[in-house]
Amino acid sequence: MEFCEAVNVCLRKKFAEFNGRATRSEYWYFVLFQLFAQIAFFILMAIGAAADSRVLFGVPWVASLLFCLVMILPGLAVTVRRLHDGDKSGWFILVCFIPLVGPVILLYFLMRKGTDGSNRYGDA
């Protein structure tokens, strides 16, 4: 799956779809999209701060906050679908709340190859 296709799938076709599976490329391209967007907002805020303008600083900050709020649902959905690809329940996302090792365990589940063929969450 290509970058634009992955972002399109996550934002339009499967915005709040928690059923099914997401490939590694779909998940990681969507994460990369979110990272690029936040870097762009940060650069705009830095330009506003350098210009010593509250308006230039405030507008990108509010836009960044709104972007983060809008991205919560598709971000959770694609993460659950990514866990499904590895034949794990979506509830494994709660592993990240285990101090120190939880995020590492979740990262491992998100990075590993999904099951070949179909599993209990659908076809590959």
N, C-alpha and C. Protein backbone atom coordinates (compact mmCIF):
# COMPACT_ATOMS: atom_id res chain seq x y z
N MET A 1 0.85 -1.17 0.00
CA MET A 1 0.00 0.00 0.00
C MET A 1 0.89 1.23 0.00
N GLU A 2 0.54 2.20 -0.81
CA GLU A 2 1.30 3.45 -0.93
C GLU A 2 0.86 4.45 0.16
N PHE A 3 1.67 5.50 0.33
CA PHE A 3 1.42 6.50 1.37
C PHE A 3 0.04 7.14 1.24
N CYS A 4 -0.26 7.70 0.07
CA CYS A 4 -1.54 8.40 -0.12
C CYS A 4 -2.72 7.46 0.01
N GLU A 5 -2.57 6.25 -0.49
CA GLU A 5 -3.64 5.27 -0.38
C GLU A 5 -3.92 4.90 1.08
N ALA A 6 -2.85 4.74 1.86
CA ALA A 6 -3.01 4.40 3.28
C ALA A 6 -3.71 5.52 4.04
N VAL A 7 -3.33 6.76 3.78
CA VAL A 7 -3.97 7.89 4.45
C VAL A 7 -5.44 7.99 4.03
N ASN A 8 -5.71 7.77 2.74
CA ASN A 8 -7.08 7.81 2.24
C ASN A 8 -7.93 6.73 2.89
N VAL A 9 -7.39 5.53 3.01
CA VAL A 9 -8.14 4.43 3.63
C VAL A 9 -8.45 4.76 5.08
N CYS A 10 -7.46 5.26 5.80
CA CYS A 10 -7.65 5.53 7.23
C CYS A 10 -8.57 6.72 7.49
N LEU A 11 -8.55 7.72 6.62
CA LEU A 11 -9.35 8.92 6.88
C LEU A 11 -10.71 8.91 6.20
N ARG A 12 -10.87 8.18 5.11
CA ARG A 12 -12.14 8.22 4.40
C ARG A 12 -12.90 6.90 4.46
N LYS A 13 -12.24 5.83 4.07
CA LYS A 13 -12.94 4.56 3.95
C LYS A 13 -13.16 3.87 5.29
N LYS A 14 -12.16 3.95 6.17
CA LYS A 14 -12.24 3.23 7.45
C LYS A 14 -11.95 4.16 8.62
N PHE A 15 -12.56 5.34 8.63
CA PHE A 15 -12.30 6.35 9.64
C PHE A 15 -12.50 5.82 11.06
N ALA A 16 -13.61 5.14 11.28
CA ALA A 16 -13.92 4.60 12.61
C ALA A 16 -14.23 3.11 12.52
N GLU A 17 -13.57 2.42 11.62
CA GLU A 17 -13.79 0.99 11.39
C GLU A 17 -12.82 0.18 12.24
N PHE A 18 -13.35 -0.49 13.25
CA PHE A 18 -12.52 -1.28 14.15
C PHE A 18 -12.50 -2.76 13.77
N ASN A 19 -13.26 -3.12 12.76
CA ASN A 19 -13.29 -4.51 12.28
C ASN A 19 -12.36 -4.66 11.10
N GLY A 20 -11.84 -5.85 10.93
CA GLY A 20 -10.97 -6.12 9.80
C GLY A 20 -9.50 -6.04 10.18
N ARG A 21 -8.67 -5.92 9.16
CA ARG A 21 -7.23 -5.96 9.36
C ARG A 21 -6.57 -4.79 8.65
N ALA A 22 -5.43 -4.37 9.16
CA ALA A 22 -4.62 -3.31 8.54
C ALA A 22 -3.21 -3.83 8.36
N THR A 23 -2.67 -3.67 7.18
CA THR A 23 -1.31 -4.11 6.91
C THR A 23 -0.31 -3.21 7.63
N ARG A 24 0.93 -3.68 7.68
CA ARG A 24 1.98 -2.86 8.29
C ARG A 24 2.12 -1.54 7.57
N SER A 25 2.10 -1.59 6.23
CA SER A 25 2.28 -0.34 5.47
C SER A 25 1.14 0.64 5.72
N GLU A 26 -0.09 0.14 5.80
CA GLU A 26 -1.22 1.02 6.07
C GLU A 26 -1.04 1.71 7.42
N TYR A 27 -0.68 0.95 8.43
CA TYR A 27 -0.52 1.50 9.76
C TYR A 27 0.62 2.51 9.82
N TRP A 28 1.80 2.11 9.36
CA TRP A 28 2.97 2.95 9.52
C TRP A 28 2.94 4.18 8.62
N TYR A 29 2.32 4.08 7.43
CA TYR A 29 2.16 5.28 6.60
C TYR A 29 1.20 6.27 7.26
N PHE A 30 0.18 5.76 7.93
CA PHE A 30 -0.74 6.66 8.62
C PHE A 30 -0.03 7.33 9.80
N VAL A 31 0.79 6.61 10.53
CA VAL A 31 1.57 7.19 11.62
C VAL A 31 2.53 8.25 11.07
N LEU A 32 3.15 7.95 9.93
CA LEU A 32 4.06 8.90 9.30
C LEU A 32 3.32 10.16 8.87
N PHE A 33 2.12 10.01 8.34
CA PHE A 33 1.28 11.16 7.98
C PHE A 33 1.03 12.05 9.19
N GLN A 34 0.67 11.43 10.32
CA GLN A 34 0.41 12.20 11.53
C GLN A 34 1.68 12.91 12.00
N LEU A 35 2.81 12.24 11.91
CA LEU A 35 4.08 12.84 12.31
C LEU A 35 4.41 14.05 11.43
N PHE A 36 4.27 13.90 10.11
CA PHE A 36 4.53 15.02 9.20
C PHE A 36 3.63 16.20 9.49
N ALA A 37 2.36 15.94 9.76
CA ALA A 37 1.42 17.02 10.05
C ALA A 37 1.81 17.75 11.33
N GLN A 38 2.19 17.01 12.36
CA GLN A 38 2.59 17.65 13.62
C GLN A 38 3.88 18.45 13.46
N ILE A 39 4.80 17.96 12.65
CA ILE A 39 6.04 18.71 12.39
C ILE A 39 5.69 20.01 11.66
N ALA A 40 4.78 19.96 10.71
CA ALA A 40 4.36 21.18 10.00
C ALA A 40 3.73 22.18 10.96
N PHE A 41 2.87 21.71 11.86
CA PHE A 41 2.28 22.61 12.85
C PHE A 41 3.36 23.20 13.77
N PHE A 42 4.32 22.39 14.16
CA PHE A 42 5.40 22.86 15.02
C PHE A 42 6.21 23.95 14.32
N ILE A 43 6.50 23.75 13.04
CA ILE A 43 7.26 24.76 12.29
C ILE A 43 6.47 26.06 12.20
N LEU A 44 5.17 25.97 11.95
CA LEU A 44 4.34 27.17 11.90
C LEU A 44 4.30 27.88 13.25
N MET A 45 4.25 27.10 14.34
CA MET A 45 4.27 27.72 15.67
C MET A 45 5.61 28.37 15.95
N ALA A 46 6.70 27.75 15.50
CA ALA A 46 8.04 28.33 15.70
C ALA A 46 8.17 29.63 14.92
N ILE A 47 7.63 29.67 13.71
CA ILE A 47 7.67 30.90 12.93
C ILE A 47 6.87 31.99 13.64
N GLY A 48 5.72 31.63 14.17
CA GLY A 48 4.90 32.60 14.90
C GLY A 48 5.59 33.09 16.16
N ALA A 49 6.27 32.19 16.86
CA ALA A 49 6.98 32.59 18.08
C ALA A 49 8.17 33.47 17.73
N ALA A 50 8.85 33.17 16.64
CA ALA A 50 10.00 33.98 16.23
C ALA A 50 9.55 35.38 15.81
N ALA A 51 8.38 35.49 15.23
CA ALA A 51 7.85 36.78 14.82
C ALA A 51 7.24 37.54 16.00
N ASP A 52 7.21 36.88 17.16
CA ASP A 52 6.67 37.48 18.38
C ASP A 52 5.22 37.93 18.17
N SER A 53 4.47 37.09 17.51
CA SER A 53 3.08 37.40 17.24
C SER A 53 2.20 36.33 17.88
N ARG A 54 1.30 36.77 18.73
CA ARG A 54 0.40 35.82 19.38
C ARG A 54 -0.57 35.20 18.39
N VAL A 55 -0.95 35.97 17.38
CA VAL A 55 -1.88 35.45 16.38
C VAL A 55 -1.20 34.36 15.56
N LEU A 56 0.03 34.62 15.10
CA LEU A 56 0.75 33.63 14.30
C LEU A 56 1.06 32.38 15.10
N PHE A 57 1.25 32.53 16.40
CA PHE A 57 1.53 31.37 17.24
C PHE A 57 0.25 30.64 17.61
N GLY A 58 -0.81 31.37 17.89
CA GLY A 58 -2.04 30.78 18.40
C GLY A 58 -2.83 29.97 17.38
N VAL A 59 -2.89 30.44 16.15
CA VAL A 59 -3.68 29.75 15.13
C VAL A 59 -3.12 28.36 14.84
N PRO A 60 -1.82 28.20 14.59
CA PRO A 60 -1.30 26.84 14.38
C PRO A 60 -1.45 25.95 15.62
N TRP A 61 -1.37 26.54 16.81
CA TRP A 61 -1.53 25.76 18.04
C TRP A 61 -2.94 25.20 18.12
N VAL A 62 -3.93 26.03 17.86
CA VAL A 62 -5.32 25.58 17.89
C VAL A 62 -5.57 24.55 16.78
N ALA A 63 -5.02 24.80 15.59
CA ALA A 63 -5.17 23.85 14.48
C ALA A 63 -4.52 22.52 14.83
N SER A 64 -3.37 22.56 15.48
CA SER A 64 -2.69 21.34 15.89
C SER A 64 -3.52 20.57 16.92
N LEU A 65 -4.09 21.28 17.86
CA LEU A 65 -4.94 20.65 18.86
C LEU A 65 -6.17 20.00 18.22
N LEU A 66 -6.81 20.71 17.31
CA LEU A 66 -7.97 20.15 16.60
C LEU A 66 -7.57 18.94 15.76
N PHE A 67 -6.43 19.00 15.11
CA PHE A 67 -5.93 17.88 14.32
C PHE A 67 -5.74 16.66 15.21
N CYS A 68 -5.13 16.87 16.38
CA CYS A 68 -4.92 15.74 17.32
C CYS A 68 -6.24 15.14 17.77
N LEU A 69 -7.22 15.97 18.06
CA LEU A 69 -8.52 15.48 18.50
C LEU A 69 -9.22 14.69 17.40
N VAL A 70 -9.13 15.18 16.16
CA VAL A 70 -9.76 14.48 15.04
C VAL A 70 -9.06 13.16 14.75
N MET A 71 -7.76 13.10 14.96
CA MET A 71 -6.98 11.90 14.64
C MET A 71 -7.06 10.79 15.69
N ILE A 72 -7.70 11.07 16.84
CA ILE A 72 -7.79 10.04 17.88
C ILE A 72 -8.57 8.83 17.38
N LEU A 73 -9.73 9.04 16.82
CA LEU A 73 -10.57 7.93 16.39
C LEU A 73 -9.96 7.11 15.26
N PRO A 74 -9.50 7.73 14.15
CA PRO A 74 -8.88 6.89 13.12
C PRO A 74 -7.57 6.27 13.58
N GLY A 75 -6.85 6.93 14.48
CA GLY A 75 -5.62 6.36 15.01
C GLY A 75 -5.89 5.11 15.84
N LEU A 76 -6.90 5.17 16.68
CA LEU A 76 -7.28 3.99 17.46
C LEU A 76 -7.78 2.87 16.55
N ALA A 77 -8.57 3.24 15.55
CA ALA A 77 -9.14 2.24 14.66
C ALA A 77 -8.06 1.51 13.88
N VAL A 78 -7.11 2.24 13.32
CA VAL A 78 -6.06 1.58 12.53
C VAL A 78 -5.14 0.76 13.44
N THR A 79 -4.95 1.18 14.67
CA THR A 79 -4.14 0.40 15.60
C THR A 79 -4.83 -0.92 15.95
N VAL A 80 -6.13 -0.86 16.20
CA VAL A 80 -6.88 -2.08 16.49
C VAL A 80 -6.85 -3.02 15.28
N ARG A 81 -7.04 -2.46 14.08
CA ARG A 81 -6.99 -3.30 12.89
C ARG A 81 -5.60 -3.89 12.67
N ARG A 82 -4.57 -3.14 13.04
CA ARG A 82 -3.20 -3.66 12.93
C ARG A 82 -2.99 -4.82 13.90
N LEU A 83 -3.51 -4.70 15.10
CA LEU A 83 -3.44 -5.81 16.06
C LEU A 83 -4.22 -7.02 15.55
N HIS A 84 -5.35 -6.78 14.90
CA HIS A 84 -6.13 -7.87 14.32
C HIS A 84 -5.32 -8.60 13.25
N ASP A 85 -4.49 -7.88 12.51
CA ASP A 85 -3.69 -8.51 11.46
C ASP A 85 -2.72 -9.53 12.06
N GLY A 86 -2.29 -9.30 13.27
CA GLY A 86 -1.42 -10.25 13.96
C GLY A 86 -2.20 -11.25 14.79
N ASP A 87 -3.51 -11.34 14.56
CA ASP A 87 -4.41 -12.26 15.26
C ASP A 87 -4.47 -11.97 16.77
N LYS A 88 -4.39 -10.71 17.12
CA LYS A 88 -4.53 -10.27 18.50
C LYS A 88 -5.82 -9.47 18.64
N SER A 89 -6.42 -9.54 19.81
CA SER A 89 -7.61 -8.75 20.09
C SER A 89 -7.25 -7.27 20.12
N GLY A 90 -8.20 -6.44 19.75
CA GLY A 90 -7.99 -5.00 19.81
C GLY A 90 -7.76 -4.49 21.22
N TRP A 91 -8.19 -5.28 22.21
CA TRP A 91 -8.00 -4.89 23.61
C TRP A 91 -6.52 -4.92 24.00
N PHE A 92 -5.67 -5.52 23.18
CA PHE A 92 -4.24 -5.51 23.46
C PHE A 92 -3.66 -4.10 23.41
N ILE A 93 -4.43 -3.16 22.89
CA ILE A 93 -3.98 -1.77 22.87
C ILE A 93 -3.79 -1.26 24.30
N LEU A 94 -4.51 -1.85 25.25
CA LEU A 94 -4.41 -1.42 26.65
C LEU A 94 -3.09 -1.85 27.30
N VAL A 95 -2.34 -2.70 26.62
CA VAL A 95 -1.03 -3.12 27.11
C VAL A 95 -0.12 -1.91 27.31
N CYS A 96 -0.33 -0.87 26.52
CA CYS A 96 0.55 0.30 26.60
C CYS A 96 0.47 1.00 27.96
N PHE A 97 -0.53 0.69 28.77
CA PHE A 97 -0.64 1.30 30.09
C PHE A 97 0.19 0.60 31.17
N ILE A 98 0.81 -0.51 30.82
CA ILE A 98 1.72 -1.18 31.75
C ILE A 98 3.00 -0.36 31.79
N PRO A 99 3.41 0.12 32.96
CA PRO A 99 4.59 0.97 33.03
C PRO A 99 5.85 0.29 32.48
N LEU A 100 6.64 1.07 31.78
CA LEU A 100 7.94 0.71 31.21
C LEU A 100 7.87 -0.30 30.08
N VAL A 101 7.33 -1.49 30.30
CA VAL A 101 7.38 -2.53 29.28
C VAL A 101 6.16 -2.52 28.36
N GLY A 102 5.06 -1.94 28.78
CA GLY A 102 3.83 -1.96 27.99
C GLY A 102 3.98 -1.37 26.60
N PRO A 103 4.51 -0.14 26.48
CA PRO A 103 4.69 0.43 25.14
C PRO A 103 5.63 -0.39 24.26
N VAL A 104 6.63 -1.01 24.85
CA VAL A 104 7.57 -1.84 24.08
C VAL A 104 6.85 -3.08 23.55
N ILE A 105 6.02 -3.69 24.38
CA ILE A 105 5.26 -4.87 23.96
C ILE A 105 4.29 -4.50 22.84
N LEU A 106 3.58 -3.37 23.00
CA LEU A 106 2.65 -2.93 21.96
C LEU A 106 3.40 -2.63 20.66
N LEU A 107 4.53 -1.98 20.75
CA LEU A 107 5.34 -1.70 19.56
C LEU A 107 5.75 -2.99 18.87
N TYR A 108 6.10 -4.00 19.63
CA TYR A 108 6.44 -5.30 19.04
C TYR A 108 5.27 -5.87 18.26
N PHE A 109 4.07 -5.83 18.85
CA PHE A 109 2.89 -6.36 18.17
C PHE A 109 2.58 -5.58 16.90
N LEU A 110 2.82 -4.26 16.92
CA LEU A 110 2.53 -3.42 15.76
C LEU A 110 3.56 -3.59 14.65
N MET A 111 4.78 -3.97 15.01
CA MET A 111 5.85 -4.08 14.02
C MET A 111 5.95 -5.45 13.37
N ARG A 112 5.47 -6.46 14.04
CA ARG A 112 5.67 -7.81 13.49
C ARG A 112 4.73 -8.07 12.32
N LYS A 113 5.12 -9.05 11.53
CA LYS A 113 4.37 -9.43 10.34
C LYS A 113 3.01 -10.02 10.75
N GLY A 114 1.99 -9.70 9.99
CA GLY A 114 0.67 -10.24 10.25
C GLY A 114 0.56 -11.69 9.83
N THR A 115 -0.53 -12.31 10.22
CA THR A 115 -0.73 -13.71 9.86
C THR A 115 -0.99 -13.83 8.36
N ASP A 116 -0.43 -14.87 7.75
CA ASP A 116 -0.67 -15.14 6.34
C ASP A 116 -2.06 -15.73 6.17
N GLY A 117 -2.70 -15.38 5.08
CA GLY A 117 -4.03 -15.90 4.83
C GLY A 117 -5.06 -15.26 5.75
N SER A 118 -6.13 -15.98 5.97
CA SER A 118 -7.19 -15.42 6.81
C SER A 118 -6.99 -15.84 8.27
N ASN A 119 -7.51 -15.02 9.14
CA ASN A 119 -7.55 -15.35 10.56
C ASN A 119 -8.96 -15.02 11.06
N ARG A 120 -9.16 -15.02 12.36
CA ARG A 120 -10.51 -14.82 12.89
C ARG A 120 -11.04 -13.40 12.67
N TYR A 121 -10.18 -12.50 12.21
CA TYR A 121 -10.59 -11.11 11.96
C TYR A 121 -10.80 -10.80 10.48
N GLY A 122 -10.59 -11.78 9.62
CA GLY A 122 -10.84 -11.56 8.20
C GLY A 122 -9.71 -12.04 7.32
N ASP A 123 -9.87 -11.76 6.05
CA ASP A 123 -8.85 -12.16 5.07
C ASP A 123 -7.72 -11.14 5.04
N ALA A 124 -6.58 -11.58 4.57
CA ALA A 124 -5.40 -10.71 4.48
C ALA A 124 -5.56 -9.67 3.39
